[in-house]
Amino acid sequence: MAHVRSVNVGVAGPDPAGGPRPSGMLKAPTSEAVLLRDPGPKRGGDGSGVVGDFVGDRRHHGGTYQAVYAVAREELDHWAAEVGRDLPDGAFGENLTTVGLDVDDARLGEIWRIGATVRLQVTGPRVPCKTFARAMGEQRWVKRFTERGRTGAYLSVLTPGEVRAGDAIVIEHRPTHGVTVPMSFRAWTTERHTLPDLLAAGGDLSPEFVAKIAEYQAGR
């Protein structure tokens, strides 16, 4: 059964990339139940949708459409074999480490129910950054991660509530449009010419993707 293997939170600490602002990139599992809720906008909101989790760079991270970040344990295991060392839950800065769920097969707009009441909606991919690369400490990490293209998924919080390790995950709704998280990642990064193809997702596109497509179509 698909379930949450761990809920991971990060406290304010030094930026692994050496930047001036603190970072919550380094996360660790907690045994406690954790409240998920809509944090509001990137700027002026609460940052993470996971209460107790710190977001340092609120220009690029956090907010309603990046409230929660999920990565499959199976994907961490793939990379552990590639880099030749253990990657604990939270190593990618994810809030939810899952088991038995193909996170990277998710469609934009897909709705997950966790436990009895919490409902999350898939909004898009994680785009790797310098902080992530420095935290991993691997050569050419951004390039390698991008080439693999299985980034895990950002989610918004539709129905708030507490989650904890062991909670079941059920796909409550899967759109028929076929626009997957990896497809949207490639369009955002290496295959910008495919951005208009994402319009097939209709109302399941986040405002950030709508703006990105508009910029592309305007030739910017």
N, C-alpha and C. Protein backbone atom coordinates (compact mmCIF):
# COMPACT_ATOMS: atom_id res chain seq x y z
N MET A 1 0.84 -1.19 0.00
CA MET A 1 0.00 0.00 0.00
C MET A 1 0.88 1.24 0.00
N ALA A 2 0.53 2.23 -0.82
CA ALA A 2 1.26 3.49 -0.83
C ALA A 2 1.06 4.19 0.51
N HIS A 3 2.16 4.70 1.06
CA HIS A 3 2.06 5.37 2.35
C HIS A 3 3.20 6.35 2.55
N VAL A 4 3.05 7.17 3.57
CA VAL A 4 4.10 8.10 3.98
C VAL A 4 5.13 7.33 4.80
N ARG A 5 6.35 7.31 4.31
CA ARG A 5 7.42 6.66 5.09
C ARG A 5 7.91 7.59 6.18
N SER A 6 8.03 8.87 5.84
CA SER A 6 8.46 9.84 6.85
C SER A 6 7.95 11.23 6.51
N VAL A 7 7.72 12.02 7.55
CA VAL A 7 7.44 13.46 7.42
C VAL A 7 8.70 14.18 7.88
N ASN A 8 9.25 15.05 7.02
CA ASN A 8 10.55 15.65 7.27
C ASN A 8 10.44 17.17 7.39
N VAL A 9 11.09 17.71 8.38
CA VAL A 9 11.08 19.16 8.58
C VAL A 9 12.51 19.66 8.72
N GLY A 10 12.70 20.93 8.35
CA GLY A 10 14.01 21.54 8.45
C GLY A 10 13.94 22.82 9.27
N VAL A 11 14.94 23.03 10.09
CA VAL A 11 15.03 24.26 10.88
C VAL A 11 15.99 25.21 10.18
N ALA A 12 15.96 26.48 10.57
CA ALA A 12 16.84 27.48 9.98
C ALA A 12 18.30 27.14 10.28
N GLY A 13 19.09 27.08 9.22
CA GLY A 13 20.51 26.80 9.37
C GLY A 13 21.29 27.49 8.27
N PRO A 14 22.61 27.36 8.26
CA PRO A 14 23.42 27.99 7.21
C PRO A 14 23.04 27.46 5.83
N ASP A 15 23.08 28.35 4.84
CA ASP A 15 22.82 27.97 3.45
C ASP A 15 23.98 27.09 2.98
N PRO A 16 23.71 25.85 2.53
CA PRO A 16 24.80 24.99 2.04
C PRO A 16 25.58 25.62 0.89
N ALA A 17 24.93 26.55 0.16
CA ALA A 17 25.59 27.21 -0.96
C ALA A 17 26.37 28.44 -0.52
N GLY A 18 26.34 28.75 0.77
CA GLY A 18 27.10 29.88 1.28
C GLY A 18 26.41 31.22 1.16
N GLY A 19 25.13 31.21 0.85
CA GLY A 19 24.39 32.46 0.73
C GLY A 19 24.18 33.13 2.07
N PRO A 20 23.76 34.40 2.06
CA PRO A 20 23.63 35.16 3.31
C PRO A 20 22.42 34.82 4.14
N ARG A 21 21.36 34.29 3.50
CA ARG A 21 20.15 34.00 4.25
C ARG A 21 20.16 32.56 4.76
N PRO A 22 19.50 32.29 5.89
CA PRO A 22 19.43 30.91 6.40
C PRO A 22 18.62 30.03 5.45
N SER A 23 18.80 28.74 5.59
CA SER A 23 18.14 27.76 4.72
C SER A 23 17.54 26.64 5.55
N GLY A 24 16.43 26.09 5.06
CA GLY A 24 15.82 24.92 5.68
C GLY A 24 15.95 23.70 4.80
N MET A 25 16.94 23.72 3.88
CA MET A 25 17.12 22.63 2.92
C MET A 25 17.36 21.29 3.61
N LEU A 26 18.15 21.30 4.67
CA LEU A 26 18.49 20.05 5.35
C LEU A 26 17.35 19.66 6.28
N LYS A 27 16.68 18.56 5.95
CA LYS A 27 15.49 18.14 6.70
C LYS A 27 15.71 16.76 7.32
N ALA A 28 14.98 16.50 8.39
CA ALA A 28 15.08 15.22 9.08
C ALA A 28 13.69 14.73 9.46
N PRO A 29 13.50 13.42 9.50
CA PRO A 29 12.19 12.87 9.86
C PRO A 29 11.80 13.19 11.29
N THR A 30 10.51 13.33 11.51
CA THR A 30 9.98 13.50 12.85
C THR A 30 8.98 12.39 13.13
N SER A 31 8.94 11.94 14.36
CA SER A 31 7.98 10.89 14.74
C SER A 31 6.63 11.47 15.12
N GLU A 32 6.55 12.78 15.21
CA GLU A 32 5.31 13.44 15.63
C GLU A 32 4.36 13.63 14.45
N ALA A 33 3.07 13.77 14.75
CA ALA A 33 2.11 14.20 13.74
C ALA A 33 2.38 15.67 13.42
N VAL A 34 2.30 16.03 12.14
CA VAL A 34 2.63 17.38 11.70
C VAL A 34 1.45 17.96 10.94
N LEU A 35 1.12 19.19 11.21
CA LEU A 35 0.01 19.85 10.54
C LEU A 35 0.43 20.37 9.17
N LEU A 36 -0.35 20.01 8.15
CA LEU A 36 -0.20 20.58 6.82
C LEU A 36 -1.34 21.56 6.60
N ARG A 37 -0.99 22.75 6.07
CA ARG A 37 -2.01 23.74 5.77
C ARG A 37 -1.50 24.66 4.66
N ASP A 38 -2.41 25.42 4.06
CA ASP A 38 -2.03 26.35 3.01
C ASP A 38 -1.23 27.50 3.65
N PRO A 39 0.02 27.71 3.20
CA PRO A 39 0.82 28.75 3.82
C PRO A 39 0.57 30.15 3.27
N GLY A 40 -0.27 30.25 2.23
CA GLY A 40 -0.48 31.56 1.63
C GLY A 40 0.57 31.85 0.57
N PRO A 41 0.65 33.09 0.11
CA PRO A 41 1.55 33.42 -1.00
C PRO A 41 3.02 33.29 -0.61
N LYS A 42 3.88 33.18 -1.65
CA LYS A 42 5.32 33.08 -1.40
C LYS A 42 5.81 34.22 -0.52
N ARG A 43 5.48 35.43 -0.93
CA ARG A 43 5.91 36.60 -0.17
C ARG A 43 4.77 37.05 0.74
N GLY A 44 5.06 37.12 2.00
CA GLY A 44 4.06 37.55 2.96
C GLY A 44 3.28 36.43 3.60
N GLY A 45 3.49 35.19 3.13
CA GLY A 45 2.81 34.05 3.73
C GLY A 45 3.66 33.39 4.80
N ASP A 46 3.31 32.14 5.10
CA ASP A 46 4.00 31.41 6.16
C ASP A 46 5.16 30.55 5.66
N GLY A 47 5.46 30.62 4.35
CA GLY A 47 6.56 29.83 3.81
C GLY A 47 6.12 28.42 3.48
N SER A 48 6.50 27.47 4.30
CA SER A 48 6.17 26.07 4.07
C SER A 48 4.73 25.77 4.47
N GLY A 49 4.15 24.78 3.80
CA GLY A 49 2.84 24.29 4.19
C GLY A 49 2.91 23.29 5.33
N VAL A 50 4.12 22.96 5.75
CA VAL A 50 4.35 22.01 6.83
C VAL A 50 4.72 22.81 8.08
N VAL A 51 3.85 22.82 9.06
CA VAL A 51 4.09 23.62 10.26
C VAL A 51 5.37 23.14 10.95
N GLY A 52 6.26 24.08 11.24
CA GLY A 52 7.53 23.76 11.86
C GLY A 52 8.67 23.64 10.88
N ASP A 53 8.37 23.68 9.56
CA ASP A 53 9.39 23.58 8.53
C ASP A 53 9.79 24.99 8.08
N PHE A 54 11.08 25.22 7.90
CA PHE A 54 11.59 26.56 7.58
C PHE A 54 11.88 26.69 6.10
N VAL A 55 11.46 27.82 5.52
CA VAL A 55 11.79 28.18 4.14
C VAL A 55 12.57 29.49 4.19
N GLY A 56 13.81 29.48 3.70
CA GLY A 56 14.63 30.67 3.74
C GLY A 56 14.44 31.58 2.54
N ASP A 57 14.45 31.01 1.35
CA ASP A 57 14.33 31.77 0.11
C ASP A 57 12.87 31.76 -0.34
N ARG A 58 12.11 32.74 0.13
CA ARG A 58 10.68 32.76 -0.18
C ARG A 58 10.38 33.37 -1.54
N ARG A 59 11.40 33.79 -2.23
CA ARG A 59 11.19 34.23 -3.61
C ARG A 59 10.99 33.04 -4.53
N HIS A 60 11.72 31.96 -4.26
CA HIS A 60 11.69 30.80 -5.15
C HIS A 60 11.03 29.56 -4.52
N HIS A 61 10.79 29.57 -3.23
CA HIS A 61 10.29 28.37 -2.57
C HIS A 61 9.13 28.70 -1.64
N GLY A 62 8.33 27.69 -1.37
CA GLY A 62 7.21 27.85 -0.46
C GLY A 62 6.02 28.50 -1.14
N GLY A 63 5.03 28.83 -0.34
CA GLY A 63 3.80 29.41 -0.87
C GLY A 63 2.78 28.35 -1.24
N THR A 64 1.61 28.79 -1.61
CA THR A 64 0.47 27.90 -1.86
C THR A 64 0.80 26.77 -2.83
N TYR A 65 1.51 27.07 -3.91
CA TYR A 65 1.72 26.07 -4.97
C TYR A 65 3.00 25.26 -4.78
N GLN A 66 3.75 25.57 -3.74
CA GLN A 66 4.90 24.76 -3.35
C GLN A 66 4.85 24.52 -1.84
N ALA A 67 3.66 24.22 -1.37
CA ALA A 67 3.44 24.09 0.07
C ALA A 67 4.13 22.86 0.65
N VAL A 68 4.11 21.77 -0.11
CA VAL A 68 4.64 20.49 0.34
C VAL A 68 5.43 19.88 -0.81
N TYR A 69 6.56 19.27 -0.50
CA TYR A 69 7.39 18.62 -1.52
C TYR A 69 7.49 17.14 -1.18
N ALA A 70 7.16 16.28 -2.16
CA ALA A 70 7.18 14.83 -1.95
C ALA A 70 8.17 14.15 -2.89
N VAL A 71 8.89 13.18 -2.36
CA VAL A 71 9.84 12.38 -3.13
C VAL A 71 9.65 10.91 -2.76
N ALA A 72 9.69 10.06 -3.76
CA ALA A 72 9.56 8.62 -3.52
C ALA A 72 10.85 8.06 -2.93
N ARG A 73 10.72 7.22 -1.91
CA ARG A 73 11.88 6.54 -1.33
C ARG A 73 12.60 5.74 -2.41
N GLU A 74 11.85 5.20 -3.35
CA GLU A 74 12.45 4.43 -4.44
C GLU A 74 13.40 5.29 -5.27
N GLU A 75 13.07 6.57 -5.42
CA GLU A 75 13.95 7.47 -6.17
C GLU A 75 15.22 7.79 -5.37
N LEU A 76 15.06 7.98 -4.07
CA LEU A 76 16.24 8.17 -3.23
C LEU A 76 17.16 6.95 -3.29
N ASP A 77 16.56 5.76 -3.33
CA ASP A 77 17.35 4.54 -3.41
C ASP A 77 18.11 4.46 -4.74
N HIS A 78 17.47 4.90 -5.82
CA HIS A 78 18.16 4.94 -7.12
C HIS A 78 19.40 5.81 -7.03
N TRP A 79 19.26 7.00 -6.46
CA TRP A 79 20.38 7.92 -6.39
C TRP A 79 21.43 7.46 -5.39
N ALA A 80 21.00 6.78 -4.33
CA ALA A 80 21.97 6.24 -3.37
C ALA A 80 22.91 5.26 -4.06
N ALA A 81 22.35 4.44 -4.95
CA ALA A 81 23.18 3.50 -5.71
C ALA A 81 24.10 4.25 -6.67
N GLU A 82 23.61 5.34 -7.25
CA GLU A 82 24.41 6.12 -8.19
C GLU A 82 25.59 6.80 -7.50
N VAL A 83 25.36 7.37 -6.34
CA VAL A 83 26.42 8.14 -5.68
C VAL A 83 27.24 7.30 -4.69
N GLY A 84 26.78 6.08 -4.43
CA GLY A 84 27.55 5.17 -3.61
C GLY A 84 27.53 5.47 -2.12
N ARG A 85 26.42 6.05 -1.65
CA ARG A 85 26.28 6.30 -0.21
C ARG A 85 24.80 6.36 0.14
N ASP A 86 24.53 6.19 1.41
CA ASP A 86 23.15 6.24 1.87
C ASP A 86 22.59 7.65 1.75
N LEU A 87 21.34 7.73 1.33
CA LEU A 87 20.62 9.01 1.30
C LEU A 87 19.41 8.86 2.22
N PRO A 88 19.47 9.44 3.40
CA PRO A 88 18.37 9.28 4.34
C PRO A 88 17.13 10.03 3.89
N ASP A 89 15.99 9.67 4.44
CA ASP A 89 14.77 10.42 4.17
C ASP A 89 15.02 11.89 4.47
N GLY A 90 14.56 12.76 3.58
CA GLY A 90 14.78 14.20 3.74
C GLY A 90 16.02 14.70 3.02
N ALA A 91 16.80 13.79 2.42
CA ALA A 91 18.06 14.19 1.79
C ALA A 91 17.88 15.14 0.62
N PHE A 92 16.74 15.07 -0.06
CA PHE A 92 16.45 15.97 -1.17
C PHE A 92 15.72 17.23 -0.70
N GLY A 93 15.57 17.37 0.61
CA GLY A 93 14.82 18.51 1.14
C GLY A 93 13.33 18.30 1.06
N GLU A 94 12.92 17.03 0.90
CA GLU A 94 11.48 16.75 0.77
C GLU A 94 10.80 16.71 2.12
N ASN A 95 9.54 17.13 2.12
CA ASN A 95 8.72 17.08 3.33
C ASN A 95 8.11 15.70 3.55
N LEU A 96 7.73 15.05 2.45
CA LEU A 96 7.14 13.72 2.52
C LEU A 96 8.00 12.74 1.72
N THR A 97 8.48 11.71 2.38
CA THR A 97 9.12 10.61 1.69
C THR A 97 8.10 9.49 1.60
N THR A 98 7.78 9.06 0.38
CA THR A 98 6.72 8.08 0.16
C THR A 98 7.28 6.72 -0.20
N VAL A 99 6.44 5.71 -0.04
CA VAL A 99 6.75 4.34 -0.46
C VAL A 99 5.55 3.80 -1.22
N GLY A 100 5.83 3.12 -2.33
CA GLY A 100 4.75 2.48 -3.07
C GLY A 100 3.93 3.41 -3.94
N LEU A 101 4.40 4.64 -4.14
CA LEU A 101 3.69 5.61 -4.96
C LEU A 101 4.66 6.16 -5.99
N ASP A 102 4.32 6.06 -7.27
CA ASP A 102 5.18 6.60 -8.33
C ASP A 102 4.92 8.10 -8.42
N VAL A 103 5.59 8.85 -7.56
CA VAL A 103 5.38 10.29 -7.49
C VAL A 103 5.61 10.93 -8.85
N ASP A 104 6.59 10.43 -9.60
CA ASP A 104 6.94 11.06 -10.87
C ASP A 104 6.06 10.60 -12.03
N ASP A 105 5.05 9.83 -11.76
CA ASP A 105 4.02 9.53 -12.75
C ASP A 105 2.80 10.42 -12.54
N ALA A 106 2.85 11.26 -11.51
CA ALA A 106 1.69 12.09 -11.16
C ALA A 106 1.39 13.10 -12.26
N ARG A 107 0.10 13.39 -12.45
CA ARG A 107 -0.35 14.43 -13.36
C ARG A 107 -0.54 15.74 -12.60
N LEU A 108 -0.33 16.85 -13.29
CA LEU A 108 -0.67 18.13 -12.69
C LEU A 108 -2.16 18.12 -12.37
N GLY A 109 -2.51 18.55 -11.16
CA GLY A 109 -3.90 18.55 -10.73
C GLY A 109 -4.33 17.28 -10.03
N GLU A 110 -3.46 16.27 -10.00
CA GLU A 110 -3.79 15.02 -9.31
C GLU A 110 -3.99 15.29 -7.82
N ILE A 111 -4.96 14.62 -7.23
CA ILE A 111 -5.27 14.84 -5.82
C ILE A 111 -4.95 13.58 -5.02
N TRP A 112 -4.18 13.74 -3.96
CA TRP A 112 -3.86 12.65 -3.05
C TRP A 112 -4.59 12.87 -1.74
N ARG A 113 -5.12 11.79 -1.20
CA ARG A 113 -5.66 11.83 0.16
C ARG A 113 -4.69 11.08 1.07
N ILE A 114 -4.29 11.73 2.14
CA ILE A 114 -3.35 11.13 3.09
C ILE A 114 -4.05 10.95 4.42
N GLY A 115 -4.01 9.73 4.92
CA GLY A 115 -4.75 9.44 6.14
C GLY A 115 -6.24 9.59 5.90
N ALA A 116 -6.96 10.05 6.90
CA ALA A 116 -8.42 10.12 6.80
C ALA A 116 -8.91 11.38 6.11
N THR A 117 -8.18 12.48 6.25
CA THR A 117 -8.78 13.75 5.82
C THR A 117 -7.92 14.64 4.95
N VAL A 118 -6.59 14.57 5.05
CA VAL A 118 -5.74 15.53 4.35
C VAL A 118 -5.78 15.28 2.85
N ARG A 119 -5.94 16.36 2.09
CA ARG A 119 -5.96 16.26 0.63
C ARG A 119 -4.95 17.25 0.05
N LEU A 120 -4.08 16.72 -0.80
CA LEU A 120 -3.04 17.52 -1.45
C LEU A 120 -3.21 17.43 -2.96
N GLN A 121 -2.82 18.49 -3.66
CA GLN A 121 -2.95 18.52 -5.12
C GLN A 121 -1.58 18.78 -5.75
N VAL A 122 -1.22 17.95 -6.73
CA VAL A 122 0.05 18.07 -7.43
C VAL A 122 0.05 19.34 -8.29
N THR A 123 1.10 20.16 -8.12
CA THR A 123 1.17 21.43 -8.85
C THR A 123 2.34 21.53 -9.81
N GLY A 124 3.38 20.73 -9.62
CA GLY A 124 4.51 20.84 -10.53
C GLY A 124 5.76 20.16 -10.02
N PRO A 125 6.87 20.33 -10.75
CA PRO A 125 8.13 19.68 -10.39
C PRO A 125 9.01 20.54 -9.50
N ARG A 126 9.99 19.94 -8.93
CA ARG A 126 11.05 20.67 -8.23
C ARG A 126 12.15 20.98 -9.25
N VAL A 127 12.60 22.21 -9.29
CA VAL A 127 13.70 22.62 -10.17
C VAL A 127 14.96 22.71 -9.32
N PRO A 128 16.02 21.98 -9.66
CA PRO A 128 17.22 21.96 -8.81
C PRO A 128 17.93 23.32 -8.82
N CYS A 129 18.55 23.64 -7.69
CA CYS A 129 19.22 24.92 -7.53
C CYS A 129 20.60 24.70 -6.93
N LYS A 130 21.34 25.80 -6.78
CA LYS A 130 22.70 25.73 -6.24
C LYS A 130 22.71 25.20 -4.81
N THR A 131 21.73 25.61 -4.01
CA THR A 131 21.67 25.15 -2.62
C THR A 131 21.52 23.63 -2.57
N PHE A 132 20.65 23.09 -3.41
CA PHE A 132 20.45 21.64 -3.49
C PHE A 132 21.76 20.96 -3.89
N ALA A 133 22.43 21.51 -4.90
CA ALA A 133 23.68 20.91 -5.39
C ALA A 133 24.75 20.89 -4.30
N ARG A 134 24.88 22.01 -3.58
CA ARG A 134 25.91 22.06 -2.53
C ARG A 134 25.56 21.13 -1.38
N ALA A 135 24.27 21.01 -1.07
CA ALA A 135 23.87 20.10 0.00
C ALA A 135 24.18 18.65 -0.37
N MET A 136 24.05 18.31 -1.65
CA MET A 136 24.34 16.94 -2.09
C MET A 136 25.84 16.69 -2.15
N GLY A 137 26.62 17.72 -2.51
CA GLY A 137 28.06 17.56 -2.57
C GLY A 137 28.53 16.65 -3.68
N GLU A 138 27.78 16.60 -4.77
CA GLU A 138 28.11 15.73 -5.91
C GLU A 138 28.47 16.57 -7.12
N GLN A 139 29.48 16.14 -7.88
CA GLN A 139 29.88 16.83 -9.09
C GLN A 139 28.74 16.83 -10.11
N ARG A 140 28.54 17.99 -10.77
CA ARG A 140 27.56 18.13 -11.85
C ARG A 140 26.16 17.71 -11.40
N TRP A 141 25.83 17.98 -10.13
CA TRP A 141 24.58 17.46 -9.60
C TRP A 141 23.35 18.00 -10.34
N VAL A 142 23.31 19.31 -10.57
CA VAL A 142 22.14 19.88 -11.24
C VAL A 142 21.95 19.25 -12.61
N LYS A 143 23.03 19.08 -13.36
CA LYS A 143 22.94 18.47 -14.70
C LYS A 143 22.46 17.03 -14.61
N ARG A 144 23.00 16.28 -13.69
CA ARG A 144 22.63 14.87 -13.55
C ARG A 144 21.17 14.72 -13.13
N PHE A 145 20.78 15.53 -12.16
CA PHE A 145 19.40 15.49 -11.68
C PHE A 145 18.44 15.89 -12.79
N THR A 146 18.81 16.89 -13.57
CA THR A 146 17.96 17.35 -14.68
C THR A 146 17.86 16.30 -15.77
N GLU A 147 18.96 15.65 -16.09
CA GLU A 147 18.93 14.60 -17.11
C GLU A 147 18.04 13.44 -16.69
N ARG A 148 18.07 13.08 -15.44
CA ARG A 148 17.20 12.01 -14.92
C ARG A 148 15.73 12.45 -15.01
N GLY A 149 15.45 13.67 -14.63
CA GLY A 149 14.13 14.25 -14.83
C GLY A 149 13.02 13.74 -13.93
N ARG A 150 13.40 13.01 -12.88
CA ARG A 150 12.40 12.52 -11.92
C ARG A 150 12.60 13.31 -10.63
N THR A 151 11.89 14.40 -10.53
CA THR A 151 12.20 15.43 -9.54
C THR A 151 11.42 15.34 -8.24
N GLY A 152 10.43 14.45 -8.18
CA GLY A 152 9.46 14.54 -7.11
C GLY A 152 8.46 15.63 -7.44
N ALA A 153 7.49 15.84 -6.57
CA ALA A 153 6.38 16.75 -6.90
C ALA A 153 6.12 17.75 -5.79
N TYR A 154 5.83 18.98 -6.21
CA TYR A 154 5.28 19.98 -5.30
C TYR A 154 3.77 19.81 -5.24
N LEU A 155 3.22 20.13 -4.07
CA LEU A 155 1.78 20.00 -3.86
C LEU A 155 1.24 21.19 -3.10
N SER A 156 -0.01 21.52 -3.38
CA SER A 156 -0.74 22.48 -2.58
C SER A 156 -1.63 21.72 -1.60
N VAL A 157 -2.06 22.40 -0.55
CA VAL A 157 -2.89 21.77 0.48
C VAL A 157 -4.34 22.18 0.24
N LEU A 158 -5.17 21.21 -0.17
CA LEU A 158 -6.59 21.47 -0.39
C LEU A 158 -7.38 21.36 0.91
N THR A 159 -7.10 20.31 1.67
CA THR A 159 -7.78 20.09 2.95
C THR A 159 -6.72 19.90 4.01
N PRO A 160 -6.61 20.83 4.96
CA PRO A 160 -5.55 20.75 5.96
C PRO A 160 -5.80 19.64 6.97
N GLY A 161 -4.76 19.32 7.69
CA GLY A 161 -4.86 18.32 8.74
C GLY A 161 -3.49 17.77 9.09
N GLU A 162 -3.46 16.86 10.04
CA GLU A 162 -2.19 16.29 10.50
C GLU A 162 -1.84 15.02 9.73
N VAL A 163 -0.55 14.87 9.45
CA VAL A 163 -0.04 13.65 8.83
C VAL A 163 1.12 13.15 9.67
N ARG A 164 1.38 11.85 9.55
CA ARG A 164 2.52 11.27 10.25
C ARG A 164 3.00 10.05 9.47
N ALA A 165 4.18 9.57 9.79
CA ALA A 165 4.72 8.38 9.16
C ALA A 165 3.75 7.23 9.29
N GLY A 166 3.57 6.49 8.19
CA GLY A 166 2.67 5.34 8.18
C GLY A 166 1.31 5.63 7.58
N ASP A 167 0.95 6.91 7.44
CA ASP A 167 -0.36 7.24 6.87
C ASP A 167 -0.46 6.75 5.43
N ALA A 168 -1.61 6.18 5.10
CA ALA A 168 -1.86 5.70 3.74
C ALA A 168 -2.02 6.88 2.79
N ILE A 169 -1.61 6.67 1.53
CA ILE A 169 -1.80 7.65 0.46
C ILE A 169 -2.69 7.02 -0.60
N VAL A 170 -3.78 7.70 -0.92
CA VAL A 170 -4.72 7.23 -1.94
C VAL A 170 -4.83 8.29 -3.02
N ILE A 171 -4.72 7.89 -4.28
CA ILE A 171 -4.95 8.83 -5.38
C ILE A 171 -6.45 8.98 -5.53
N GLU A 172 -6.94 10.11 -5.10
CA GLU A 172 -8.38 10.37 -5.09
C GLU A 172 -8.89 10.81 -6.46
N HIS A 173 -8.04 11.52 -7.19
CA HIS A 173 -8.42 12.01 -8.52
C HIS A 173 -7.19 12.08 -9.40
N ARG A 174 -7.28 11.52 -10.60
CA ARG A 174 -6.18 11.62 -11.57
C ARG A 174 -6.73 12.20 -12.86
N PRO A 175 -6.28 13.39 -13.27
CA PRO A 175 -6.78 14.00 -14.50
C PRO A 175 -6.48 13.13 -15.72
N THR A 176 -7.26 13.33 -16.76
CA THR A 176 -7.10 12.55 -17.99
C THR A 176 -6.21 13.25 -19.00
N HIS A 177 -5.75 14.49 -18.71
CA HIS A 177 -5.01 15.24 -19.72
C HIS A 177 -3.61 14.70 -19.99
N GLY A 178 -3.04 13.94 -19.08
CA GLY A 178 -1.75 13.31 -19.34
C GLY A 178 -0.53 14.18 -19.16
N VAL A 179 -0.70 15.39 -18.65
CA VAL A 179 0.46 16.27 -18.41
C VAL A 179 1.09 15.87 -17.08
N THR A 180 2.22 15.20 -17.15
CA THR A 180 2.87 14.67 -15.95
C THR A 180 3.87 15.66 -15.37
N VAL A 181 4.31 15.35 -14.17
CA VAL A 181 5.33 16.18 -13.52
C VAL A 181 6.62 16.20 -14.35
N PRO A 182 7.16 15.05 -14.83
CA PRO A 182 8.38 15.12 -15.64
C PRO A 182 8.19 15.92 -16.93
N MET A 183 7.03 15.81 -17.56
CA MET A 183 6.76 16.57 -18.77
C MET A 183 6.83 18.07 -18.48
N SER A 184 6.24 18.49 -17.37
CA SER A 184 6.26 19.91 -17.01
C SER A 184 7.68 20.36 -16.64
N PHE A 185 8.47 19.48 -16.05
CA PHE A 185 9.85 19.81 -15.70
C PHE A 185 10.68 20.05 -16.95
N ARG A 186 10.55 19.16 -17.92
CA ARG A 186 11.32 19.34 -19.17
C ARG A 186 10.92 20.64 -19.86
N ALA A 187 9.62 20.95 -19.86
CA ALA A 187 9.16 22.18 -20.49
C ALA A 187 9.72 23.41 -19.78
N TRP A 188 9.83 23.34 -18.47
CA TRP A 188 10.33 24.48 -17.68
C TRP A 188 11.83 24.68 -17.88
N THR A 189 12.56 23.58 -18.16
CA THR A 189 14.03 23.64 -18.15
C THR A 189 14.66 23.43 -19.52
N THR A 190 14.66 22.22 -20.02
CA THR A 190 15.46 21.88 -21.21
C THR A 190 14.68 21.83 -22.51
N GLU A 191 13.36 21.83 -22.46
CA GLU A 191 12.54 21.72 -23.68
C GLU A 191 11.47 22.80 -23.68
N ARG A 192 11.93 24.05 -23.64
CA ARG A 192 10.99 25.16 -23.51
C ARG A 192 9.99 25.23 -24.67
N HIS A 193 10.38 24.68 -25.81
CA HIS A 193 9.45 24.70 -26.95
C HIS A 193 8.19 23.88 -26.69
N THR A 194 8.23 23.04 -25.65
CA THR A 194 7.05 22.22 -25.34
C THR A 194 6.14 22.91 -24.32
N LEU A 195 6.48 24.10 -23.87
CA LEU A 195 5.63 24.79 -22.89
C LEU A 195 4.17 24.89 -23.34
N PRO A 196 3.88 25.25 -24.59
CA PRO A 196 2.47 25.33 -24.98
C PRO A 196 1.72 24.00 -24.85
N ASP A 197 2.45 22.88 -24.89
CA ASP A 197 1.79 21.58 -24.76
C ASP A 197 1.15 21.42 -23.38
N LEU A 198 1.68 22.16 -22.41
CA LEU A 198 1.13 22.06 -21.06
C LEU A 198 -0.26 22.65 -20.95
N LEU A 199 -0.67 23.44 -21.93
CA LEU A 199 -2.00 24.03 -21.90
C LEU A 199 -3.09 22.97 -21.91
N ALA A 200 -2.72 21.75 -22.29
CA ALA A 200 -3.68 20.64 -22.23
C ALA A 200 -4.16 20.39 -20.81
N ALA A 201 -3.38 20.84 -19.82
CA ALA A 201 -3.77 20.65 -18.42
C ALA A 201 -4.84 21.63 -17.98
N GLY A 202 -5.09 22.66 -18.77
CA GLY A 202 -6.17 23.60 -18.47
C GLY A 202 -6.06 24.21 -17.09
N GLY A 203 -7.14 24.09 -16.32
CA GLY A 203 -7.21 24.67 -14.99
C GLY A 203 -6.30 24.02 -13.97
N ASP A 204 -5.62 22.93 -14.34
CA ASP A 204 -4.69 22.30 -13.42
C ASP A 204 -3.31 22.94 -13.44
N LEU A 205 -3.10 23.93 -14.31
CA LEU A 205 -1.84 24.65 -14.35
C LEU A 205 -1.78 25.67 -13.22
N SER A 206 -0.66 25.73 -12.54
CA SER A 206 -0.47 26.74 -11.50
C SER A 206 -0.28 28.10 -12.16
N PRO A 207 -0.51 29.19 -11.42
CA PRO A 207 -0.28 30.53 -11.98
C PRO A 207 1.15 30.71 -12.49
N GLU A 208 2.13 30.07 -11.85
CA GLU A 208 3.51 30.20 -12.29
C GLU A 208 3.70 29.59 -13.67
N PHE A 209 3.06 28.47 -13.93
CA PHE A 209 3.16 27.87 -15.25
C PHE A 209 2.40 28.69 -16.29
N VAL A 210 1.26 29.23 -15.92
CA VAL A 210 0.50 30.08 -16.83
C VAL A 210 1.35 31.27 -17.25
N ALA A 211 2.03 31.89 -16.28
CA ALA A 211 2.89 33.04 -16.58
C ALA A 211 4.08 32.62 -17.44
N LYS A 212 4.66 31.48 -17.15
CA LYS A 212 5.82 31.00 -17.92
C LYS A 212 5.43 30.75 -19.38
N ILE A 213 4.28 30.15 -19.59
CA ILE A 213 3.82 29.89 -20.95
C ILE A 213 3.54 31.20 -21.68
N ALA A 214 2.93 32.14 -20.98
CA ALA A 214 2.63 33.43 -21.59
C ALA A 214 3.91 34.14 -22.02
N GLU A 215 4.95 34.10 -21.18
CA GLU A 215 6.23 34.71 -21.51
C GLU A 215 6.83 34.06 -22.75
N TYR A 216 6.77 32.75 -22.81
CA TYR A 216 7.31 32.02 -23.97
C TYR A 216 6.57 32.42 -25.25
N GLN A 217 5.25 32.44 -25.17
CA GLN A 217 4.46 32.77 -26.36
C GLN A 217 4.67 34.21 -26.79
N ALA A 218 5.02 35.07 -25.83
CA ALA A 218 5.29 36.47 -26.16
C ALA A 218 6.73 36.68 -26.66
N GLY A 219 7.49 35.61 -26.69
CA GLY A 219 8.86 35.69 -27.18
C GLY A 219 9.85 36.24 -26.18
N ARG A 220 9.50 36.19 -24.89
CA ARG A 220 10.41 36.71 -23.88
C ARG A 220 11.23 35.58 -23.24
